[in-house]
Amino acid sequence: MTKRSPPGPLEYLRRWQMQAWLAAVGVFLYAPLIALMAFSFNDSRRNIVWKGFTLKYYEKAFNNDSLIEAFANSLTIAALCTVLSVALGAMVALVLWRFRFPGKTALDGALALPIVVPEICMGVAMLVFFAKVMPWPQGLPWPLNLGAITIAHVSFSFPFVAVVVRARMASFNREMEEAARDLGAGEWRTIRDVILPHMAPSLVAGALLAFTLSLDDFVITFFTAGPDTVTFPVKVYSMVRFSVTPEVNAASTILIVLTVILTAVALKLQGDPAATAGAHGDGK
């Protein structure tokens, strides 16, 4: 085995340039969030002036009933959207991956529309849909409430789940499915014991993506939310129309921390894909 020669000056320069570029990208991405979180502890109504450390704006945020209600609405909608999007996205991905049928190409293209269409167009389309296409039996428009927002969120979230799951299934070894059938497993048993374990990491990733998309969506929610249903992004928007106060920063920091915690939990549940693949390959 030949011994590798030490890197030369040009390689050191390229490494330094790459590290500097990665550091600059990291600062560009996370500096605004860090600044927001830091100024949520600012003892001043003006964010541009630091006057000392305080927790009173967190106390105000937790005692703001309308803000808590909006946050609870967002969590409820995001949870429902995640469950429905994962179920629908997984089924669509499984159908597109496994079967051949007329119109498959058209369905595959239509699945990408909610991903590429601007949110403003989706919001207007949803408003027209609930007002004109889905009237109640009494002839009244569909009420713009939690149900309408959840349906709208599912409509643009499940394609993301389907894309993630389908990409995962591209690495599936179909011989494992054939072996399960040779051993007497039926259709549902094969899906439950062979396909779903392979699909599990993508389901976790898709659920996290759907939850995040739903939790921080503003444009589509703005068009489908009624006067009695306010979500957290819409509430924050109404607060920052006048000024960005430390109370808004505190509420935003709580949302960021919650998102980070959920991401860590999801990654923990997802596990190591390489280890999982190795275990399946060893027959364990």
Protein backbone atom coordinates (compact mmCIF):
# COMPACT_ATOMS: atom_id res chain seq x y z
CA MET A 1 0.00 0.00 0.00
CA THR A 2 1.53 3.28 -1.08
CA LYS A 3 1.87 6.07 1.44
CA ARG A 4 -0.08 9.19 0.57
CA SER A 5 2.03 12.27 0.08
CA PRO A 6 1.28 15.32 2.25
CA PRO A 7 -0.96 17.98 0.69
CA GLY A 8 0.75 20.73 -1.19
CA PRO A 9 0.28 24.50 -0.87
CA LEU A 10 -2.41 24.61 -3.54
CA GLU A 11 -4.45 21.92 -1.78
CA TYR A 12 -4.13 23.78 1.53
CA LEU A 13 -5.34 26.92 -0.22
CA ARG A 14 -8.34 25.13 -1.71
CA ARG A 15 -9.22 23.68 1.69
CA TRP A 16 -8.97 27.10 3.32
CA GLN A 17 -11.16 28.65 0.62
CA MET A 18 -13.76 25.92 1.03
CA GLN A 19 -13.79 26.29 4.82
CA ALA A 20 -14.08 30.06 4.54
CA TRP A 21 -16.95 29.70 2.07
CA LEU A 22 -18.80 27.23 4.33
CA ALA A 23 -18.30 29.56 7.30
CA ALA A 24 -19.67 32.50 5.31
CA VAL A 25 -22.72 30.49 4.27
CA GLY A 26 -23.30 29.45 7.88
CA VAL A 27 -23.13 33.04 9.08
CA PHE A 28 -25.49 34.14 6.29
CA LEU A 29 -28.02 31.46 7.24
CA TYR A 30 -27.91 31.55 11.03
CA ALA A 31 -26.82 35.07 11.99
CA PRO A 32 -30.37 36.51 11.61
CA LEU A 33 -31.81 33.75 13.78
CA ILE A 34 -29.14 34.22 16.44
CA ALA A 35 -29.73 37.98 16.42
CA LEU A 36 -33.48 37.46 16.79
CA MET A 37 -32.99 35.09 19.72
CA ALA A 38 -30.48 37.41 21.38
CA PHE A 39 -32.73 40.48 21.13
CA SER A 40 -35.64 38.54 22.60
CA PHE A 41 -33.84 39.04 25.92
CA ASN A 42 -33.35 42.77 25.33
CA ASP A 43 -34.76 45.03 28.05
CA SER A 44 -35.90 47.62 25.53
CA ARG A 45 -38.86 48.17 23.25
CA ARG A 46 -36.45 49.10 20.45
CA ASN A 47 -34.50 46.18 19.01
CA ILE A 48 -31.65 48.34 17.75
CA VAL A 49 -30.60 49.41 21.27
CA TRP A 50 -29.39 46.91 23.87
CA LYS A 51 -30.29 47.98 27.40
CA GLY A 52 -29.84 44.81 29.40
CA PHE A 53 -30.96 41.23 29.92
CA THR A 54 -34.56 40.42 30.81
CA LEU A 55 -37.11 37.61 30.62
CA LYS A 56 -40.18 39.81 30.91
CA TYR A 57 -41.04 39.56 27.22
CA TYR A 58 -41.19 35.78 27.49
CA GLU A 59 -43.58 36.25 30.39
CA LYS A 60 -45.66 38.60 28.24
CA ALA A 61 -45.64 36.10 25.38
CA PHE A 62 -46.82 33.27 27.64
CA ASN A 63 -49.51 35.52 29.15
CA ASN A 64 -50.75 36.71 25.75
CA ASP A 65 -53.93 34.66 25.34
CA SER A 66 -54.40 35.50 21.66
CA LEU A 67 -50.81 34.53 20.87
CA ILE A 68 -51.15 31.25 22.78
CA GLU A 69 -54.40 30.49 20.97
CA ALA A 70 -52.77 31.18 17.60
CA PHE A 71 -49.83 28.97 18.53
CA ALA A 72 -52.17 26.16 19.59
CA ASN A 73 -54.06 26.50 16.29
CA SER A 74 -50.80 26.21 14.35
CA LEU A 75 -49.74 23.12 16.28
CA THR A 76 -53.14 21.48 15.79
CA ILE A 77 -53.17 22.18 12.06
CA ALA A 78 -49.55 21.04 11.68
CA ALA A 79 -50.23 17.78 13.55
CA LEU A 80 -53.30 16.96 11.45
CA CYS A 81 -51.50 17.97 8.27
CA THR A 82 -48.55 15.74 9.14
CA VAL A 83 -50.66 12.64 9.74
CA LEU A 84 -52.76 13.10 6.61
CA SER A 85 -49.83 14.12 4.41
CA VAL A 86 -47.69 11.14 5.47
CA ALA A 87 -50.51 8.68 4.86
CA LEU A 88 -51.51 10.17 1.50
CA GLY A 89 -47.94 10.81 0.34
CA ALA A 90 -46.81 7.29 1.22
CA MET A 91 -49.70 5.72 -0.67
CA VAL A 92 -49.14 7.89 -3.74
CA ALA A 93 -45.41 7.17 -3.72
CA LEU A 94 -46.03 3.44 -3.36
CA VAL A 95 -48.48 3.43 -6.26
CA LEU A 96 -46.16 5.40 -8.54
CA TRP A 97 -43.18 3.23 -7.62
CA ARG A 98 -44.86 -0.15 -7.84
CA PHE A 99 -47.50 -0.09 -10.57
CA ARG A 100 -47.80 0.80 -14.21
CA PHE A 101 -51.12 2.25 -15.35
CA PRO A 102 -52.48 4.66 -17.98
CA GLY A 103 -51.94 8.28 -17.01
CA LYS A 104 -49.02 7.56 -14.69
CA THR A 105 -46.85 10.18 -16.37
CA ALA A 106 -49.61 12.79 -16.09
CA LEU A 107 -50.15 11.95 -12.41
CA ASP A 108 -46.43 12.15 -11.77
CA GLY A 109 -46.31 15.60 -13.38
CA ALA A 110 -49.42 16.80 -11.56
CA LEU A 111 -47.84 15.74 -8.28
CA ALA A 112 -45.09 18.29 -8.80
CA LEU A 113 -47.48 21.20 -9.40
CA PRO A 114 -48.05 22.10 -5.71
CA ILE A 115 -44.26 22.16 -5.27
CA VAL A 116 -43.48 24.53 -8.14
CA VAL A 117 -46.62 26.71 -8.19
CA PRO A 118 -46.14 30.02 -6.29
CA GLU A 119 -47.85 30.07 -2.91
CA ILE A 120 -49.81 33.19 -3.77
CA CYS A 121 -51.44 31.28 -6.63
CA MET A 122 -52.16 28.33 -4.35
CA GLY A 123 -53.70 30.65 -1.78
CA VAL A 124 -56.02 32.32 -4.28
CA ALA A 125 -56.93 28.93 -5.78
CA MET A 126 -57.81 27.56 -2.35
CA LEU A 127 -59.93 30.60 -1.55
CA VAL A 128 -61.89 30.21 -4.80
CA PHE A 129 -62.15 26.46 -4.22
CA PHE A 130 -63.70 26.79 -0.77
CA ALA A 131 -65.93 29.70 -1.80
CA LYS A 132 -67.25 28.33 -5.11
CA VAL A 133 -66.44 24.66 -5.61
CA MET A 134 -67.14 23.24 -2.13
CA PRO A 135 -70.38 24.84 -0.92
CA TRP A 136 -72.26 23.42 2.02
CA PRO A 137 -75.63 21.73 1.36
CA GLN A 138 -77.31 25.00 2.33
CA GLY A 139 -75.52 26.69 -0.58
CA LEU A 140 -73.16 28.61 1.69
CA PRO A 141 -69.37 28.67 1.09
CA TRP A 142 -67.16 26.26 3.00
CA PRO A 143 -66.33 27.95 6.33
CA LEU A 144 -62.77 29.26 6.51
CA ASN A 145 -61.73 27.56 9.73
CA LEU A 146 -59.26 24.94 10.94
CA GLY A 147 -60.71 22.38 8.53
CA ALA A 148 -60.17 24.58 5.50
CA ILE A 149 -56.62 25.44 6.54
CA THR A 150 -55.81 21.78 7.17
CA ILE A 151 -57.12 20.73 3.75
CA ALA A 152 -55.10 23.50 2.10
CA HIS A 153 -51.94 22.53 3.97
CA VAL A 154 -52.32 18.85 3.09
CA SER A 155 -52.76 19.75 -0.59
CA PHE A 156 -49.27 21.29 -0.80
CA SER A 157 -47.51 19.15 1.84
CA PHE A 158 -48.22 15.59 0.73
CA PRO A 159 -46.34 15.95 -2.62
CA PHE A 160 -43.16 16.68 -0.65
CA VAL A 161 -43.72 13.50 1.36
CA ALA A 162 -44.37 11.53 -1.82
CA VAL A 163 -41.13 12.78 -3.40
CA VAL A 164 -39.08 11.83 -0.32
CA VAL A 165 -40.68 8.38 0.01
CA ARG A 166 -40.33 7.64 -3.69
CA ALA A 167 -36.65 8.55 -3.62
CA ARG A 168 -36.20 6.14 -0.71
CA MET A 169 -38.03 3.34 -2.51
CA ALA A 170 -35.71 3.70 -5.51
CA SER A 171 -33.06 1.87 -3.43
CA PHE A 172 -35.39 -0.98 -2.47
CA ASN A 173 -34.31 -4.48 -3.47
CA ARG A 174 -37.34 -6.05 -5.12
CA GLU A 175 -35.89 -9.50 -4.53
CA MET A 176 -36.78 -9.10 -0.84
CA GLU A 177 -40.43 -8.66 -1.79
CA GLU A 178 -40.28 -11.69 -4.07
CA ALA A 179 -38.65 -13.73 -1.29
CA ALA A 180 -41.43 -12.75 1.12
CA ARG A 181 -44.03 -13.88 -1.39
CA ASP A 182 -42.19 -17.18 -1.94
CA LEU A 183 -42.36 -17.73 1.82
CA GLY A 184 -46.13 -17.33 1.78
CA ALA A 185 -46.60 -13.69 2.74
CA GLY A 186 -49.66 -11.99 1.31
CA GLU A 187 -49.96 -8.49 -0.11
CA TRP A 188 -50.55 -6.66 3.17
CA ARG A 189 -48.05 -8.81 5.07
CA THR A 190 -45.36 -8.00 2.50
CA ILE A 191 -46.08 -4.29 2.74
CA ARG A 192 -46.07 -4.36 6.54
CA ASP A 193 -43.02 -6.53 7.13
CA VAL A 194 -40.81 -5.77 4.11
CA ILE A 195 -41.72 -2.49 2.44
CA LEU A 196 -42.67 -0.34 5.43
CA PRO A 197 -39.43 -1.01 7.37
CA HIS A 198 -37.44 0.14 4.34
CA MET A 199 -39.74 3.13 3.91
CA ALA A 200 -39.63 4.15 7.60
CA PRO A 201 -36.72 6.67 7.45
CA SER A 202 -38.37 8.51 4.57
CA LEU A 203 -41.68 8.58 6.45
CA VAL A 204 -39.98 10.26 9.39
CA ALA A 205 -38.24 12.74 7.09
CA GLY A 206 -41.48 13.40 5.22
CA ALA A 207 -43.40 13.91 8.45
CA LEU A 208 -40.84 16.42 9.67
CA LEU A 209 -40.96 18.25 6.34
CA ALA A 210 -44.77 18.35 6.30
CA PHE A 211 -44.92 19.54 9.91
CA THR A 212 -42.43 22.33 9.24
CA LEU A 213 -44.13 23.44 6.02
CA SER A 214 -47.49 23.61 7.75
CA LEU A 215 -46.25 25.26 10.93
CA ASP A 216 -44.56 28.22 9.26
CA ASP A 217 -46.87 28.72 6.27
CA PHE A 218 -48.29 32.22 5.98
CA VAL A 219 -49.44 32.94 2.41
CA ILE A 220 -51.88 30.05 1.91
CA THR A 221 -53.08 30.30 5.51
CA PHE A 222 -53.74 34.02 5.06
CA PHE A 223 -56.21 33.27 2.24
CA THR A 224 -57.94 30.31 3.90
CA ALA A 225 -58.17 31.54 7.50
CA GLY A 226 -61.37 33.16 8.69
CA PRO A 227 -61.65 36.00 11.21
CA ASP A 228 -62.13 33.52 14.08
CA THR A 229 -59.17 31.28 13.15
CA VAL A 230 -55.72 32.83 13.47
CA THR A 231 -52.49 30.86 13.21
CA PHE A 232 -49.13 31.78 14.70
CA PRO A 233 -47.53 33.16 11.48
CA VAL A 234 -50.62 35.29 10.76
CA LYS A 235 -50.64 36.55 14.35
CA VAL A 236 -46.94 37.44 14.21
CA TYR A 237 -47.53 39.26 10.92
CA SER A 238 -50.29 41.34 12.52
CA MET A 239 -47.92 42.19 15.37
CA VAL A 240 -44.94 43.20 13.21
CA ARG A 241 -47.05 45.47 11.00
CA PHE A 242 -46.53 48.16 13.62
CA SER A 243 -43.07 47.30 14.98
CA VAL A 244 -40.81 44.35 15.72
CA THR A 245 -40.88 44.19 19.51
CA PRO A 246 -38.97 41.85 21.83
CA GLU A 247 -42.29 40.11 22.49
CA VAL A 248 -42.41 39.07 18.85
CA ASN A 249 -38.79 37.94 19.08
CA ALA A 250 -39.61 35.91 22.19
CA ALA A 251 -42.54 34.17 20.48
CA SER A 252 -40.41 33.47 17.42
CA THR A 253 -37.61 32.09 19.61
CA ILE A 254 -40.03 29.69 21.25
CA LEU A 255 -41.09 28.45 17.81
CA ILE A 256 -37.45 28.04 16.71
CA VAL A 257 -36.56 26.07 19.84
CA LEU A 258 -39.62 23.85 19.39
CA THR A 259 -38.67 23.19 15.77
CA VAL A 260 -35.09 22.29 16.73
CA ILE A 261 -36.34 19.89 19.42
CA LEU A 262 -38.74 18.20 17.01
CA THR A 263 -35.96 17.93 14.42
CA ALA A 264 -33.65 16.29 16.94
CA VAL A 265 -36.37 13.84 17.99
CA ALA A 266 -37.15 13.01 14.36
CA LEU A 267 -33.50 12.40 13.54
CA LYS A 268 -33.20 10.20 16.62
CA LEU A 269 -36.24 8.17 15.57
CA GLN A 270 -34.95 7.97 12.01
CA GLY A 271 -31.71 6.40 13.17
CA ASP A 272 -28.69 5.67 11.01
CA PRO A 273 -29.77 4.72 7.47
CA ALA A 274 -26.43 2.97 6.84
CA ALA A 275 -26.83 0.84 9.96
CA THR A 276 -30.42 0.02 9.01
CA ALA A 277 -29.38 -0.98 5.51
CA GLY A 278 -26.60 -3.13 6.94
CA ALA A 279 -28.99 -4.87 9.31
CA HIS A 280 -31.39 -5.68 6.46
CA GLY A 281 -28.50 -6.86 4.34
CA ASP A 282 -27.31 -9.22 7.09
CA GLY A 283 -30.82 -10.66 7.40
CA LYS A 284 -31.34 -9.37 10.94
